[in-house]
Amino acid sequence: MTMIKIVFYGLAAMLGLFSPPVLAETKAYQIELIVFLQTQPNTEVFDQVSSEIEWPSGLTELSAYNKAENTTLDDSYAALARDSAYRPILQVAWVQPVEEKGINSPVHIQGADGKLNGYLRIQHDQGLQMVVDLEFSSKSGDRGSKNLVYRLNEKRSVKLNEVYYLDHPKFGVIVKMSSL
């Protein structure tokens, strides 16, 4: 090894030891989610009978995060509950740390009866984005009827404090992200 290479590697090692580490900045966000069934008739044909979600690694259970103290979508939930065309099945709100760069841990979203299953992931690549991949299973008690699975898989750019509606003919999702 030449003397120049030795000096170069030595300087590089010293700079690495004495320079401050580059850390991704983390912010906390409140995420609110409402999932509801839509009971209006439609003519679309659905033939999915098993889950097609490609589960990402690092899935975190919702219970691992703190519940949000105050929620802002309560009026939306109440309005859905009053309208016979909709049936709310889940309302959750949590506080999640989100790194300023890259893809964050997906959060497992699941209904109490097991018919709703999937995840929500926040990404901070080129702006703030959310990925929602949820499935609702019809799981009826009739042995003769086919168990259908309805999937909503969407990626959206989001702005803080705005309400987003994700639509599927059988169910819908309302999401809001706020900075803390």
C-alpha atoms as a PDB file:
ATOM      1  CA  MET A   1       0.000   0.000   0.000  1.00  0.00           C
ATOM      2  CA  THR A   2       1.431   3.360  -0.914  1.00  0.00           C
ATOM      3  CA  MET A   3       1.976   6.110   1.643  1.00  0.00           C
ATOM      4  CA  ILE A   4      -0.690   8.273  -0.025  1.00  0.00           C
ATOM      5  CA  LYS A   5      -3.330   5.539   0.399  1.00  0.00           C
ATOM      6  CA  ILE A   6      -2.364   5.050   4.043  1.00  0.00           C
ATOM      7  CA  VAL A   7      -2.681   8.777   4.750  1.00  0.00           C
ATOM      8  CA  PHE A   8      -5.974   8.937   2.829  1.00  0.00           C
ATOM      9  CA  TYR A   9      -7.537   6.019   4.732  1.00  0.00           C
ATOM     10  CA  GLY A  10      -6.245   7.416   8.016  1.00  0.00           C
ATOM     11  CA  LEU A  11      -7.820  10.816   7.362  1.00  0.00           C
ATOM     12  CA  ALA A  12     -11.085   9.201   6.265  1.00  0.00           C
ATOM     13  CA  ALA A  13     -11.202   7.127   9.457  1.00  0.00           C
ATOM     14  CA  MET A  14     -10.494  10.177  11.639  1.00  0.00           C
ATOM     15  CA  LEU A  15     -13.180  12.240   9.919  1.00  0.00           C
ATOM     16  CA  GLY A  16     -15.630   9.402  10.472  1.00  0.00           C
ATOM     17  CA  LEU A  17     -14.801   9.283  14.175  1.00  0.00           C
ATOM     18  CA  PHE A  18     -15.050  13.002  14.798  1.00  0.00           C
ATOM     19  CA  SER A  19     -17.900  14.036  12.540  1.00  0.00           C
ATOM     20  CA  PRO A  20     -21.404  14.025  14.037  1.00  0.00           C
ATOM     21  CA  PRO A  21     -23.583  11.120  12.954  1.00  0.00           C
ATOM     22  CA  VAL A  22     -26.211  11.874  10.365  1.00  0.00           C
ATOM     23  CA  LEU A  23     -29.545  10.949  11.883  1.00  0.00           C
ATOM     24  CA  ALA A  24     -32.903  10.991  10.152  1.00  0.00           C
ATOM     25  CA  GLU A  25     -35.233  13.403  11.851  1.00  0.00           C
ATOM     26  CA  THR A  26     -38.322  11.817  13.359  1.00  0.00           C
ATOM     27  CA  LYS A  27     -41.650  13.568  13.905  1.00  0.00           C
ATOM     28  CA  ALA A  28     -44.785  12.324  15.621  1.00  0.00           C
ATOM     29  CA  TYR A  29     -48.050  12.290  13.703  1.00  0.00           C
ATOM     30  CA  GLN A  30     -51.591  11.558  14.771  1.00  0.00           C
ATOM     31  CA  ILE A  31     -53.307   9.236  12.323  1.00  0.00           C
ATOM     32  CA  GLU A  32     -57.077   8.788  12.373  1.00  0.00           C
ATOM     33  CA  LEU A  33     -58.860   6.095  10.403  1.00  0.00           C
ATOM     34  CA  ILE A  34     -62.511   5.211   9.880  1.00  0.00           C
ATOM     35  CA  VAL A  35     -63.542   2.155   7.853  1.00  0.00           C
ATOM     36  CA  PHE A  36     -67.163   1.697   6.827  1.00  0.00           C
ATOM     37  CA  LEU A  37     -69.245  -0.626   4.672  1.00  0.00           C
ATOM     38  CA  GLN A  38     -71.275   0.747   1.789  1.00  0.00           C
ATOM     39  CA  THR A  39     -74.655  -0.895   1.415  1.00  0.00           C
ATOM     40  CA  GLN A  40     -75.697   0.682  -1.894  1.00  0.00           C
ATOM     41  CA  PRO A  41     -76.253  -1.787  -4.704  1.00  0.00           C
ATOM     42  CA  ASN A  42     -73.708  -1.876  -7.521  1.00  0.00           C
ATOM     43  CA  THR A  43     -73.192  -3.887 -10.663  1.00  0.00           C
ATOM     44  CA  GLU A  44     -69.479  -4.639 -10.300  1.00  0.00           C
ATOM     45  CA  VAL A  45     -68.482  -8.300 -10.237  1.00  0.00           C
ATOM     46  CA  PHE A  46     -66.031  -9.417  -7.567  1.00  0.00           C
ATOM     47  CA  ASP A  47     -64.294 -12.779  -7.770  1.00  0.00           C
ATOM     48  CA  GLN A  48     -61.464 -12.537  -5.227  1.00  0.00           C
ATOM     49  CA  VAL A  49     -61.886 -15.400  -2.740  1.00  0.00           C
ATOM     50  CA  SER A  50     -58.617 -15.273  -0.785  1.00  0.00           C
ATOM     51  CA  SER A  51     -56.251 -12.616   0.481  1.00  0.00           C
ATOM     52  CA  GLU A  52     -53.995 -10.987  -2.105  1.00  0.00           C
ATOM     53  CA  ILE A  53     -52.186  -8.627   0.248  1.00  0.00           C
ATOM     54  CA  GLU A  54     -48.413  -8.791  -0.059  1.00  0.00           C
ATOM     55  CA  TRP A  55     -47.498  -8.281   3.587  1.00  0.00           C
ATOM     56  CA  PRO A  56     -44.522  -5.993   4.060  1.00  0.00           C
ATOM     57  CA  SER A  57     -41.767  -6.783   6.518  1.00  0.00           C
ATOM     58  CA  GLY A  58     -41.658  -4.947   9.823  1.00  0.00           C
ATOM     59  CA  LEU A  59     -45.422  -4.954  10.330  1.00  0.00           C
ATOM     60  CA  THR A  60     -46.249  -3.308  13.672  1.00  0.00           C
ATOM     61  CA  GLU A  61     -49.420  -4.020  15.606  1.00  0.00           C
ATOM     62  CA  LEU A  62     -51.622  -0.992  16.210  1.00  0.00           C
ATOM     63  CA  SER A  63     -51.535  -1.714  19.947  1.00  0.00           C
ATOM     64  CA  ALA A  64     -47.796  -0.884  19.962  1.00  0.00           C
ATOM     65  CA  TYR A  65     -48.614   2.805  19.445  1.00  0.00           C
ATOM     66  CA  ASN A  66     -50.171   5.255  21.873  1.00  0.00           C
ATOM     67  CA  LYS A  67     -53.847   5.983  21.333  1.00  0.00           C
ATOM     68  CA  ALA A  68     -54.554   9.560  20.313  1.00  0.00           C
ATOM     69  CA  GLU A  69     -56.002  11.637  23.140  1.00  0.00           C
ATOM     70  CA  ASN A  70     -58.226  13.825  20.970  1.00  0.00           C
ATOM     71  CA  THR A  71     -59.850  12.876  17.693  1.00  0.00           C
ATOM     72  CA  THR A  72     -61.297  15.089  14.989  1.00  0.00           C
ATOM     73  CA  LEU A  73     -63.293  12.595  12.897  1.00  0.00           C
ATOM     74  CA  ASP A  74     -65.965  11.812  15.500  1.00  0.00           C
ATOM     75  CA  ASP A  75     -68.591  13.875  13.630  1.00  0.00           C
ATOM     76  CA  SER A  76     -67.798  12.000  10.414  1.00  0.00           C
ATOM     77  CA  TYR A  77     -68.228   8.671  12.202  1.00  0.00           C
ATOM     78  CA  ALA A  78     -71.563   9.815  13.681  1.00  0.00           C
ATOM     79  CA  ALA A  79     -72.808  10.997  10.260  1.00  0.00           C
ATOM     80  CA  LEU A  80     -71.933   7.632   8.704  1.00  0.00           C
ATOM     81  CA  ALA A  81     -73.681   5.791  11.541  1.00  0.00           C
ATOM     82  CA  ARG A  82     -76.893   7.818  10.974  1.00  0.00           C
ATOM     83  CA  ASP A  83     -77.020   7.133   7.220  1.00  0.00           C
ATOM     84  CA  SER A  84     -78.516   3.749   6.303  1.00  0.00           C
ATOM     85  CA  ALA A  85     -76.312   3.573   3.181  1.00  0.00           C
ATOM     86  CA  TYR A  86     -73.217   3.161   5.389  1.00  0.00           C
ATOM     87  CA  ARG A  87     -72.191   1.033   8.339  1.00  0.00           C
ATOM     88  CA  PRO A  88     -69.051   2.081  10.253  1.00  0.00           C
ATOM     89  CA  ILE A  89     -67.004  -0.939  11.329  1.00  0.00           C
ATOM     90  CA  LEU A  90     -63.804   0.615  12.713  1.00  0.00           C
ATOM     91  CA  GLN A  91     -62.601   3.915  14.134  1.00  0.00           C
ATOM     92  CA  VAL A  92     -59.032   4.157  15.432  1.00  0.00           C
ATOM     93  CA  ALA A  93     -56.578   6.964  16.133  1.00  0.00           C
ATOM     94  CA  TRP A  94     -52.951   6.602  17.150  1.00  0.00           C
ATOM     95  CA  VAL A  95     -49.716   8.546  17.464  1.00  0.00           C
ATOM     96  CA  GLN A  96     -46.886   7.274  15.286  1.00  0.00           C
ATOM     97  CA  PRO A  97     -43.294   8.461  14.931  1.00  0.00           C
ATOM     98  CA  VAL A  98     -42.413   8.944  11.276  1.00  0.00           C
ATOM     99  CA  GLU A  99     -38.894   9.373   9.948  1.00  0.00           C
ATOM    100  CA  GLU A 100     -38.423  12.310   7.602  1.00  0.00           C
ATOM    101  CA  LYS A 101     -36.827  10.177   4.913  1.00  0.00           C
ATOM    102  CA  GLY A 102     -37.806   6.774   3.638  1.00  0.00           C
ATOM    103  CA  ILE A 103     -40.447   4.190   4.367  1.00  0.00           C
ATOM    104  CA  ASN A 104     -41.766   3.731   7.894  1.00  0.00           C
ATOM    105  CA  SER A 105     -43.129   0.629   9.579  1.00  0.00           C
ATOM    106  CA  PRO A 106     -46.533  -0.427   8.300  1.00  0.00           C
ATOM    107  CA  VAL A 107     -49.294  -0.547  10.920  1.00  0.00           C
ATOM    108  CA  HIS A 108     -51.516  -3.636  11.049  1.00  0.00           C
ATOM    109  CA  ILE A 109     -55.191  -2.679  10.826  1.00  0.00           C
ATOM    110  CA  GLN A 110     -57.668  -5.351  11.830  1.00  0.00           C
ATOM    111  CA  GLY A 111     -61.352  -5.401  12.724  1.00  0.00           C
ATOM    112  CA  ALA A 112     -62.523  -7.074  15.918  1.00  0.00           C
ATOM    113  CA  ASP A 113     -64.453  -9.740  13.991  1.00  0.00           C
ATOM    114  CA  GLY A 114     -61.506 -10.570  11.697  1.00  0.00           C
ATOM    115  CA  LYS A 115     -63.360  -9.571   8.506  1.00  0.00           C
ATOM    116  CA  LEU A 116     -61.207  -6.464   8.025  1.00  0.00           C
ATOM    117  CA  ASN A 117     -57.458  -6.969   7.691  1.00  0.00           C
ATOM    118  CA  GLY A 118     -54.555  -5.058   6.173  1.00  0.00           C
ATOM    119  CA  TYR A 119     -52.126  -2.249   6.841  1.00  0.00           C
ATOM    120  CA  LEU A 120     -51.437   1.469   6.537  1.00  0.00           C
ATOM    121  CA  ARG A 121     -47.906   2.729   5.905  1.00  0.00           C
ATOM    122  CA  ILE A 122     -46.552   6.270   5.895  1.00  0.00           C
ATOM    123  CA  GLN A 123     -43.739   7.114   3.490  1.00  0.00           C
ATOM    124  CA  HIS A 124     -41.716  10.282   3.438  1.00  0.00           C
ATOM    125  CA  ASP A 125     -39.940  10.032   0.080  1.00  0.00           C
ATOM    126  CA  GLN A 126     -40.778  12.972  -2.108  1.00  0.00           C
ATOM    127  CA  GLY A 127     -43.381  14.459   0.178  1.00  0.00           C
ATOM    128  CA  LEU A 128     -45.659  12.673   2.601  1.00  0.00           C
ATOM    129  CA  GLN A 129     -47.509   9.624   1.268  1.00  0.00           C
ATOM    130  CA  MET A 130     -49.736   6.915   2.669  1.00  0.00           C
ATOM    131  CA  VAL A 131     -50.189   3.393   1.413  1.00  0.00           C
ATOM    132  CA  VAL A 132     -53.421   1.688   2.436  1.00  0.00           C
ATOM    133  CA  ASP A 133     -53.920  -1.992   1.663  1.00  0.00           C
ATOM    134  CA  LEU A 134     -57.068  -3.363   3.291  1.00  0.00           C
ATOM    135  CA  GLU A 135     -59.295  -6.322   2.600  1.00  0.00           C
ATOM    136  CA  PHE A 136     -62.821  -6.941   3.827  1.00  0.00           C
ATOM    137  CA  SER A 137     -64.047 -10.533   3.803  1.00  0.00           C
ATOM    138  CA  SER A 138     -67.758 -11.280   3.416  1.00  0.00           C
ATOM    139  CA  LYS A 139     -67.431 -14.520   5.481  1.00  0.00           C
ATOM    140  CA  SER A 140     -71.101 -15.393   5.549  1.00  0.00           C
ATOM    141  CA  GLY A 141     -72.508 -18.275   7.556  1.00  0.00           C
ATOM    142  CA  ASP A 142     -74.103 -19.889   4.517  1.00  0.00           C
ATOM    143  CA  ARG A 143     -72.234 -22.984   3.380  1.00  0.00           C
ATOM    144  CA  GLY A 144     -73.475 -22.604  -0.189  1.00  0.00           C
ATOM    145  CA  SER A 145     -72.366 -19.016  -0.656  1.00  0.00           C
ATOM    146  CA  LYS A 146     -68.872 -18.087  -1.741  1.00  0.00           C
ATOM    147  CA  ASN A 147     -66.608 -16.176   0.659  1.00  0.00           C
ATOM    148  CA  LEU A 148     -65.644 -13.013  -1.240  1.00  0.00           C
ATOM    149  CA  VAL A 149     -62.767 -10.717  -0.352  1.00  0.00           C
ATOM    150  CA  TYR A 150     -62.926  -7.053  -1.308  1.00  0.00           C
ATOM    151  CA  ARG A 151     -59.603  -5.225  -1.542  1.00  0.00           C
ATOM    152  CA  LEU A 152     -58.790  -1.539  -1.366  1.00  0.00           C
ATOM    153  CA  ASN A 153     -55.142  -0.919  -2.287  1.00  0.00           C
ATOM    154  CA  GLU A 154     -54.159   2.702  -2.762  1.00  0.00           C
ATOM    155  CA  LYS A 155     -51.163   5.018  -2.494  1.00  0.00           C
ATOM    156  CA  ARG A 156     -51.807   8.737  -2.018  1.00  0.00           C
ATOM    157  CA  SER A 157     -49.837  11.894  -1.448  1.00  0.00           C
ATOM    158  CA  VAL A 158     -51.141  13.555   1.705  1.00  0.00           C
ATOM    159  CA  LYS A 159     -51.100  16.974   3.260  1.00  0.00           C
ATOM    160  CA  LEU A 160     -51.323  17.377   6.989  1.00  0.00           C
ATOM    161  CA  ASN A 161     -54.734  18.136   8.528  1.00  0.00           C
ATOM    162  CA  GLU A 162     -56.645  17.211   5.374  1.00  0.00           C
ATOM    163  CA  VAL A 163     -59.276  14.469   5.273  1.00  0.00           C
ATOM    164  CA  TYR A 164     -58.929  11.768   2.614  1.00  0.00           C
ATOM    165  CA  TYR A 165     -61.620   9.438   1.363  1.00  0.00           C
ATOM    166  CA  LEU A 166     -60.560   6.140  -0.212  1.00  0.00           C
ATOM    167  CA  ASP A 167     -63.357   4.466  -2.106  1.00  0.00           C
ATOM    168  CA  HIS A 168     -64.304   0.918  -3.000  1.00  0.00           C
ATOM    169  CA  PRO A 169     -67.813  -0.183  -4.070  1.00  0.00           C
ATOM    170  CA  LYS A 170     -68.176  -2.326  -0.918  1.00  0.00           C
ATOM    171  CA  PHE A 171     -66.309  -0.292   1.710  1.00  0.00           C
ATOM    172  CA  GLY A 172     -64.637   3.029   2.222  1.00  0.00           C
ATOM    173  CA  VAL A 173     -61.883   4.552   4.346  1.00  0.00           C
ATOM    174  CA  ILE A 174     -61.516   8.045   5.779  1.00  0.00           C
ATOM    175  CA  VAL A 175     -57.994   9.026   6.860  1.00  0.00           C
ATOM    176  CA  LYS A 176     -56.535  12.144   8.441  1.00  0.00           C
ATOM    177  CA  MET A 177     -52.915  12.822   9.436  1.00  0.00           C
ATOM    178  CA  SER A 178     -51.939  15.663  11.752  1.00  0.00           C
ATOM    179  CA  SER A 179     -48.580  16.829  13.044  1.00  0.00           C
ATOM    180  CA  LEU A 180     -48.116  16.888  16.821  1.00  0.00           C
END
